[in-house]
Amino acid sequence: MSNIRTRVGLKIKQLREKKGWSQEQLGFEADLHRAYIGHVERGEKNLGIVNLEKICNALGIDMAEIFRK
């Protein structure tokens, strides 16, 4: 079983790609650095709740969507 950081990062990546956005575009929309988005998507960063909210708002989704399978 993969860890929560990896699962959340993969979900964010899937949702970003569904919108046709680059990591840079998501970073711009969420007011976060594109490198940070990359780290999150690869499960390398422990994503804080505030930044998760920024990403969800940028993607136009409810935060609960990140945790749905």
PDB file of N, CA and C in Angstrom:
ATOM      1  N   MET A   1       0.849  -1.187   0.000  1.00  0.00           N
ATOM      2  CA  MET A   1       0.000   0.000   0.000  1.00  0.00           C
ATOM      3  C   MET A   1       0.889   1.244   0.000  1.00  0.00           C
ATOM      4  N   SER A   2       0.582   2.163  -0.894  1.00  0.00           N
ATOM      5  CA  SER A   2       1.385   3.384  -0.979  1.00  0.00           C
ATOM      6  C   SER A   2       1.006   4.341   0.153  1.00  0.00           C
ATOM      7  N   ASN A   3       1.899   5.258   0.440  1.00  0.00           N
ATOM      8  CA  ASN A   3       1.616   6.197   1.525  1.00  0.00           C
ATOM      9  C   ASN A   3       0.687   7.314   1.060  1.00  0.00           C
ATOM     10  N   ILE A   4       0.155   8.019   2.026  1.00  0.00           N
ATOM     11  CA  ILE A   4      -0.845   9.064   1.757  1.00  0.00           C
ATOM     12  C   ILE A   4      -0.268  10.179   0.889  1.00  0.00           C
ATOM     13  N   ARG A   5       0.995  10.538   1.092  1.00  0.00           N
ATOM     14  CA  ARG A   5       1.589  11.609   0.267  1.00  0.00           C
ATOM     15  C   ARG A   5       1.611  11.210  -1.201  1.00  0.00           C
ATOM     16  N   THR A   6       1.955   9.967  -1.471  1.00  0.00           N
ATOM     17  CA  THR A   6       2.007   9.485  -2.852  1.00  0.00           C
ATOM     18  C   THR A   6       0.616   9.447  -3.467  1.00  0.00           C
ATOM     19  N   ARG A   7      -0.357   8.965  -2.714  1.00  0.00           N
ATOM     20  CA  ARG A   7      -1.733   8.878  -3.236  1.00  0.00           C
ATOM     21  C   ARG A   7      -2.318  10.260  -3.510  1.00  0.00           C
ATOM     22  N   VAL A   8      -2.115  11.187  -2.584  1.00  0.00           N
ATOM     23  CA  VAL A   8      -2.620  12.555  -2.768  1.00  0.00           C
ATOM     24  C   VAL A   8      -1.908  13.224  -3.940  1.00  0.00           C
ATOM     25  N   GLY A   9      -0.609  13.050  -4.021  1.00  0.00           N
ATOM     26  CA  GLY A   9       0.149  13.639  -5.130  1.00  0.00           C
ATOM     27  C   GLY A   9      -0.301  13.122  -6.476  1.00  0.00           C
ATOM     28  N   LEU A  10      -0.552  11.831  -6.560  1.00  0.00           N
ATOM     29  CA  LEU A  10      -1.026  11.238  -7.811  1.00  0.00           C
ATOM     30  C   LEU A  10      -2.401  11.782  -8.184  1.00  0.00           C
ATOM     31  N   LYS A  11      -3.269  11.930  -7.200  1.00  0.00           N
ATOM     32  CA  LYS A  11      -4.619  12.463  -7.461  1.00  0.00           C
ATOM     33  C   LYS A  11      -4.531  13.904  -7.968  1.00  0.00           C
ATOM     34  N   ILE A  12      -3.680  14.704  -7.355  1.00  0.00           N
ATOM     35  CA  ILE A  12      -3.495  16.090  -7.800  1.00  0.00           C
ATOM     36  C   ILE A  12      -2.981  16.100  -9.235  1.00  0.00           C
ATOM     37  N   LYS A  13      -2.018  15.248  -9.533  1.00  0.00           N
ATOM     38  CA  LYS A  13      -1.481  15.174 -10.891  1.00  0.00           C
ATOM     39  C   LYS A  13      -2.563  14.788 -11.888  1.00  0.00           C
ATOM     40  N   GLN A  14      -3.379  13.808 -11.560  1.00  0.00           N
ATOM     41  CA  GLN A  14      -4.455  13.374 -12.451  1.00  0.00           C
ATOM     42  C   GLN A  14      -5.446  14.512 -12.708  1.00  0.00           C
ATOM     43  N   LEU A  15      -5.821  15.210 -11.657  1.00  0.00           N
ATOM     44  CA  LEU A  15      -6.773  16.322 -11.799  1.00  0.00           C
ATOM     45  C   LEU A  15      -6.158  17.474 -12.602  1.00  0.00           C
ATOM     46  N   ARG A  16      -4.878  17.733 -12.376  1.00  0.00           N
ATOM     47  CA  ARG A  16      -4.186  18.786 -13.134  1.00  0.00           C
ATOM     48  C   ARG A  16      -4.137  18.435 -14.614  1.00  0.00           C
ATOM     49  N   GLU A  17      -3.756  17.207 -14.911  1.00  0.00           N
ATOM     50  CA  GLU A  17      -3.660  16.774 -16.307  1.00  0.00           C
ATOM     51  C   GLU A  17      -5.029  16.751 -16.981  1.00  0.00           C
ATOM     52  N   LYS A  18      -6.061  16.435 -16.228  1.00  0.00           N
ATOM     53  CA  LYS A  18      -7.426  16.452 -16.771  1.00  0.00           C
ATOM     54  C   LYS A  18      -7.801  17.855 -17.258  1.00  0.00           C
ATOM     55  N   LYS A  19      -7.295  18.874 -16.574  1.00  0.00           N
ATOM     56  CA  LYS A  19      -7.535  20.260 -16.981  1.00  0.00           C
ATOM     57  C   LYS A  19      -6.602  20.694 -18.120  1.00  0.00           C
ATOM     58  N   GLY A  20      -5.607  19.856 -18.421  1.00  0.00           N
ATOM     59  CA  GLY A  20      -4.650  20.217 -19.465  1.00  0.00           C
ATOM     60  C   GLY A  20      -3.616  21.218 -19.007  1.00  0.00           C
ATOM     61  N   TRP A  21      -3.399  21.292 -17.710  1.00  0.00           N
ATOM     62  CA  TRP A  21      -2.474  22.262 -17.142  1.00  0.00           C
ATOM     63  C   TRP A  21      -1.103  21.652 -16.910  1.00  0.00           C
ATOM     64  N   SER A  22      -0.093  22.481 -17.030  1.00  0.00           N
ATOM     65  CA  SER A  22       1.263  22.114 -16.630  1.00  0.00           C
ATOM     66  C   SER A  22       1.382  22.334 -15.115  1.00  0.00           C
ATOM     67  N   GLN A  23       2.472  21.844 -14.556  1.00  0.00           N
ATOM     68  CA  GLN A  23       2.746  22.126 -13.139  1.00  0.00           C
ATOM     69  C   GLN A  23       2.903  23.626 -12.930  1.00  0.00           C
ATOM     70  N   GLU A  24       3.484  24.276 -13.900  1.00  0.00           N
ATOM     71  CA  GLU A  24       3.667  25.731 -13.807  1.00  0.00           C
ATOM     72  C   GLU A  24       2.316  26.447 -13.754  1.00  0.00           C
ATOM     73  N   GLN A  25       1.367  26.014 -14.580  1.00  0.00           N
ATOM     74  CA  GLN A  25       0.043  26.642 -14.589  1.00  0.00           C
ATOM     75  C   GLN A  25      -0.668  26.428 -13.255  1.00  0.00           C
ATOM     76  N   LEU A  26      -0.623  25.199 -12.738  1.00  0.00           N
ATOM     77  CA  LEU A  26      -1.255  24.942 -11.441  1.00  0.00           C
ATOM     78  C   LEU A  26      -0.582  25.773 -10.355  1.00  0.00           C
ATOM     79  N   GLY A  27       0.726  25.839 -10.381  1.00  0.00           N
ATOM     80  CA  GLY A  27       1.432  26.666  -9.409  1.00  0.00           C
ATOM     81  C   GLY A  27       1.001  28.124  -9.473  1.00  0.00           C
ATOM     82  N   PHE A  28       0.855  28.637 -10.679  1.00  0.00           N
ATOM     83  CA  PHE A  28       0.410  30.022 -10.859  1.00  0.00           C
ATOM     84  C   PHE A  28      -0.992  30.210 -10.289  1.00  0.00           C
ATOM     85  N   GLU A  29      -1.895  29.317 -10.651  1.00  0.00           N
ATOM     86  CA  GLU A  29      -3.292  29.421 -10.209  1.00  0.00           C
ATOM     87  C   GLU A  29      -3.421  29.272  -8.689  1.00  0.00           C
ATOM     88  N   ALA A  30      -2.547  28.460  -8.089  1.00  0.00           N
ATOM     89  CA  ALA A  30      -2.609  28.205  -6.645  1.00  0.00           C
ATOM     90  C   ALA A  30      -1.687  29.128  -5.850  1.00  0.00           C
ATOM     91  N   ASP A  31      -0.933  29.995  -6.536  1.00  0.00           N
ATOM     92  CA  ASP A  31       0.040  30.887  -5.898  1.00  0.00           C
ATOM     93  C   ASP A  31       1.104  30.085  -5.136  1.00  0.00           C
ATOM     94  N   LEU A  32       1.581  29.015  -5.813  1.00  0.00           N
ATOM     95  CA  LEU A  32       2.643  28.172  -5.277  1.00  0.00           C
ATOM     96  C   LEU A  32       3.688  27.982  -6.372  1.00  0.00           C
ATOM     97  N   HIS A  33       4.913  27.708  -5.990  1.00  0.00           N
ATOM     98  CA  HIS A  33       5.977  27.525  -6.972  1.00  0.00           C
ATOM     99  C   HIS A  33       5.788  26.212  -7.724  1.00  0.00           C
ATOM    100  N   ARG A  34       6.091  26.203  -9.014  1.00  0.00           N
ATOM    101  CA  ARG A  34       5.912  25.005  -9.838  1.00  0.00           C
ATOM    102  C   ARG A  34       6.740  23.832  -9.334  1.00  0.00           C
ATOM    103  N   ALA A  35       7.925  24.123  -8.782  1.00  0.00           N
ATOM    104  CA  ALA A  35       8.762  23.051  -8.237  1.00  0.00           C
ATOM    105  C   ALA A  35       8.083  22.400  -7.032  1.00  0.00           C
ATOM    106  N   TYR A  36       7.401  23.203  -6.233  1.00  0.00           N
ATOM    107  CA  TYR A  36       6.660  22.681  -5.088  1.00  0.00           C
ATOM    108  C   TYR A  36       5.553  21.744  -5.568  1.00  0.00           C
ATOM    109  N   ILE A  37       4.860  22.123  -6.623  1.00  0.00           N
ATOM    110  CA  ILE A  37       3.807  21.273  -7.191  1.00  0.00           C
ATOM    111  C   ILE A  37       4.409  19.936  -7.611  1.00  0.00           C
ATOM    112  N   GLY A  38       5.544  19.965  -8.247  1.00  0.00           N
ATOM    113  CA  GLY A  38       6.217  18.736  -8.655  1.00  0.00           C
ATOM    114  C   GLY A  38       6.569  17.849  -7.473  1.00  0.00           C
ATOM    115  N   HIS A  39       7.084  18.458  -6.413  1.00  0.00           N
ATOM    116  CA  HIS A  39       7.424  17.694  -5.208  1.00  0.00           C
ATOM    117  C   HIS A  39       6.180  17.059  -4.598  1.00  0.00           C
ATOM    118  N   VAL A  40       5.098  17.804  -4.568  1.00  0.00           N
ATOM    119  CA  VAL A  40       3.840  17.291  -4.020  1.00  0.00           C
ATOM    120  C   VAL A  40       3.338  16.126  -4.864  1.00  0.00           C
ATOM    121  N   GLU A  41       3.338  16.300  -6.177  1.00  0.00           N
ATOM    122  CA  GLU A  41       2.829  15.250  -7.062  1.00  0.00           C
ATOM    123  C   GLU A  41       3.654  13.964  -6.963  1.00  0.00           C
ATOM    124  N   ARG A  42       4.918  14.078  -6.672  1.00  0.00           N
ATOM    125  CA  ARG A  42       5.779  12.896  -6.527  1.00  0.00           C
ATOM    126  C   ARG A  42       5.784  12.342  -5.104  1.00  0.00           C
ATOM    127  N   GLY A  43       5.037  12.984  -4.205  1.00  0.00           N
ATOM    128  CA  GLY A  43       4.962  12.513  -2.826  1.00  0.00           C
ATOM    129  C   GLY A  43       6.190  12.829  -2.014  1.00  0.00           C
ATOM    130  N   GLU A  44       6.960  13.809  -2.447  1.00  0.00           N
ATOM    131  CA  GLU A  44       8.205  14.166  -1.767  1.00  0.00           C
ATOM    132  C   GLU A  44       8.015  15.221  -0.683  1.00  0.00           C
ATOM    133  N   LYS A  45       6.916  15.930  -0.725  1.00  0.00           N
ATOM    134  CA  LYS A  45       6.641  16.982   0.257  1.00  0.00           C
ATOM    135  C   LYS A  45       5.445  16.588   1.110  1.00  0.00           C
ATOM    136  N   ASN A  46       5.508  16.957   2.376  1.00  0.00           N
ATOM    137  CA  ASN A  46       4.390  16.773   3.276  1.00  0.00           C
ATOM    138  C   ASN A  46       3.483  17.994   3.093  1.00  0.00           C
ATOM    139  N   LEU A  47       2.409  17.810   2.385  1.00  0.00           N
ATOM    140  CA  LEU A  47       1.513  18.903   1.987  1.00  0.00           C
ATOM    141  C   LEU A  47       0.708  19.412   3.170  1.00  0.00           C
ATOM    142  N   GLY A  48       0.826  20.700   3.454  1.00  0.00           N
ATOM    143  CA  GLY A  48       0.051  21.314   4.535  1.00  0.00           C
ATOM    144  C   GLY A  48      -1.377  21.601   4.093  1.00  0.00           C
ATOM    145  N   ILE A  49      -2.253  21.730   5.044  1.00  0.00           N
ATOM    146  CA  ILE A  49      -3.680  21.924   4.780  1.00  0.00           C
ATOM    147  C   ILE A  49      -3.948  23.228   4.027  1.00  0.00           C
ATOM    148  N   VAL A  50      -3.209  24.271   4.326  1.00  0.00           N
ATOM    149  CA  VAL A  50      -3.407  25.562   3.650  1.00  0.00           C
ATOM    150  C   VAL A  50      -3.042  25.429   2.169  1.00  0.00           C
ATOM    151  N   ASN A  51      -1.913  24.780   1.887  1.00  0.00           N
ATOM    152  CA  ASN A  51      -1.508  24.617   0.490  1.00  0.00           C
ATOM    153  C   ASN A  51      -2.417  23.632  -0.242  1.00  0.00           C
ATOM    154  N   LEU A  52      -2.919  22.627   0.465  1.00  0.00           N
ATOM    155  CA  LEU A  52      -3.887  21.720  -0.150  1.00  0.00           C
ATOM    156  C   LEU A  52      -5.141  22.488  -0.540  1.00  0.00           C
ATOM    157  N   GLU A  53      -5.582  23.378   0.308  1.00  0.00           N
ATOM    158  CA  GLU A  53      -6.748  24.204   0.004  1.00  0.00           C
ATOM    159  C   GLU A  53      -6.485  25.092  -1.220  1.00  0.00           C
ATOM    160  N   LYS A  54      -5.293  25.669  -1.311  1.00  0.00           N
ATOM    161  CA  LYS A  54      -4.945  26.506  -2.470  1.00  0.00           C
ATOM    162  C   LYS A  54      -5.002  25.689  -3.762  1.00  0.00           C
ATOM    163  N   ILE A  55      -4.463  24.468  -3.715  1.00  0.00           N
ATOM    164  CA  ILE A  55      -4.456  23.609  -4.897  1.00  0.00           C
ATOM    165  C   ILE A  55      -5.874  23.216  -5.279  1.00  0.00           C
ATOM    166  N   CYS A  56      -6.679  22.836  -4.288  1.00  0.00           N
ATOM    167  CA  CYS A  56      -8.064  22.457  -4.568  1.00  0.00           C
ATOM    168  C   CYS A  56      -8.860  23.627  -5.138  1.00  0.00           C
ATOM    169  N   ASN A  57      -8.684  24.802  -4.581  1.00  0.00           N
ATOM    170  CA  ASN A  57      -9.368  25.986  -5.102  1.00  0.00           C
ATOM    171  C   ASN A  57      -8.951  26.260  -6.542  1.00  0.00           C
ATOM    172  N   ALA A  58      -7.670  26.140  -6.822  1.00  0.00           N
ATOM    173  CA  ALA A  58      -7.171  26.371  -8.180  1.00  0.00           C
ATOM    174  C   ALA A  58      -7.766  25.353  -9.151  1.00  0.00           C
ATOM    175  N   LEU A  59      -7.902  24.109  -8.706  1.00  0.00           N
ATOM    176  CA  LEU A  59      -8.458  23.055  -9.560  1.00  0.00           C
ATOM    177  C   LEU A  59      -9.989  23.118  -9.626  1.00  0.00           C
ATOM    178  N   GLY A  60     -10.586  23.928  -8.752  1.00  0.00           N
ATOM    179  CA  GLY A  60     -12.043  24.066  -8.739  1.00  0.00           C
ATOM    180  C   GLY A  60     -12.746  22.845  -8.166  1.00  0.00           C
ATOM    181  N   ILE A  61     -12.118  22.218  -7.175  1.00  0.00           N
ATOM    182  CA  ILE A  61     -12.719  21.028  -6.571  1.00  0.00           C
ATOM    183  C   ILE A  61     -12.830  21.190  -5.069  1.00  0.00           C
ATOM    184  N   ASP A  62     -13.704  20.386  -4.486  1.00  0.00           N
ATOM    185  CA  ASP A  62     -13.837  20.310  -3.041  1.00  0.00           C
ATOM    186  C   ASP A  62     -12.650  19.501  -2.509  1.00  0.00           C
ATOM    187  N   MET A  63     -12.140  19.865  -1.354  1.00  0.00           N
ATOM    188  CA  MET A  63     -10.989  19.183  -0.799  1.00  0.00           C
ATOM    189  C   MET A  63     -11.234  17.673  -0.628  1.00  0.00           C
ATOM    190  N   ALA A  64     -12.453  17.290  -0.367  1.00  0.00           N
ATOM    191  CA  ALA A  64     -12.776  15.862  -0.185  1.00  0.00           C
ATOM    192  C   ALA A  64     -12.484  15.052  -1.451  1.00  0.00           C
ATOM    193  N   GLU A  65     -12.559  15.697  -2.598  1.00  0.00           N
ATOM    194  CA  GLU A  65     -12.295  14.997  -3.877  1.00  0.00           C
ATOM    195  C   GLU A  65     -10.892  14.393  -3.906  1.00  0.00           C
ATOM    196  N   ILE A  66      -9.949  15.033  -3.268  1.00  0.00           N
ATOM    197  CA  ILE A  66      -8.568  14.541  -3.252  1.00  0.00           C
ATOM    198  C   ILE A  66      -8.490  13.164  -2.592  1.00  0.00           C
ATOM    199  N   PHE A  67      -9.376  12.910  -1.645  1.00  0.00           N
ATOM    200  CA  PHE A  67      -9.300  11.668  -0.876  1.00  0.00           C
ATOM    201  C   PHE A  67     -10.227  10.567  -1.392  1.00  0.00           C
ATOM    202  N   ARG A  68     -10.994  10.867  -2.428  1.00  0.00           N
ATOM    203  CA  ARG A  68     -11.851   9.849  -3.035  1.00  0.00           C
ATOM    204  C   ARG A  68     -11.033   8.973  -3.959  1.00  0.00           C
ATOM    205  N   LYS A  69     -11.400   7.701  -4.015  1.00  0.00           N
ATOM    206  CA  LYS A  69     -10.677   6.760  -4.886  1.00  0.00           C
ATOM    207  C   LYS A  69     -11.178   6.835  -6.293  1.00  0.00           C
TER     208      LYS A  69
END
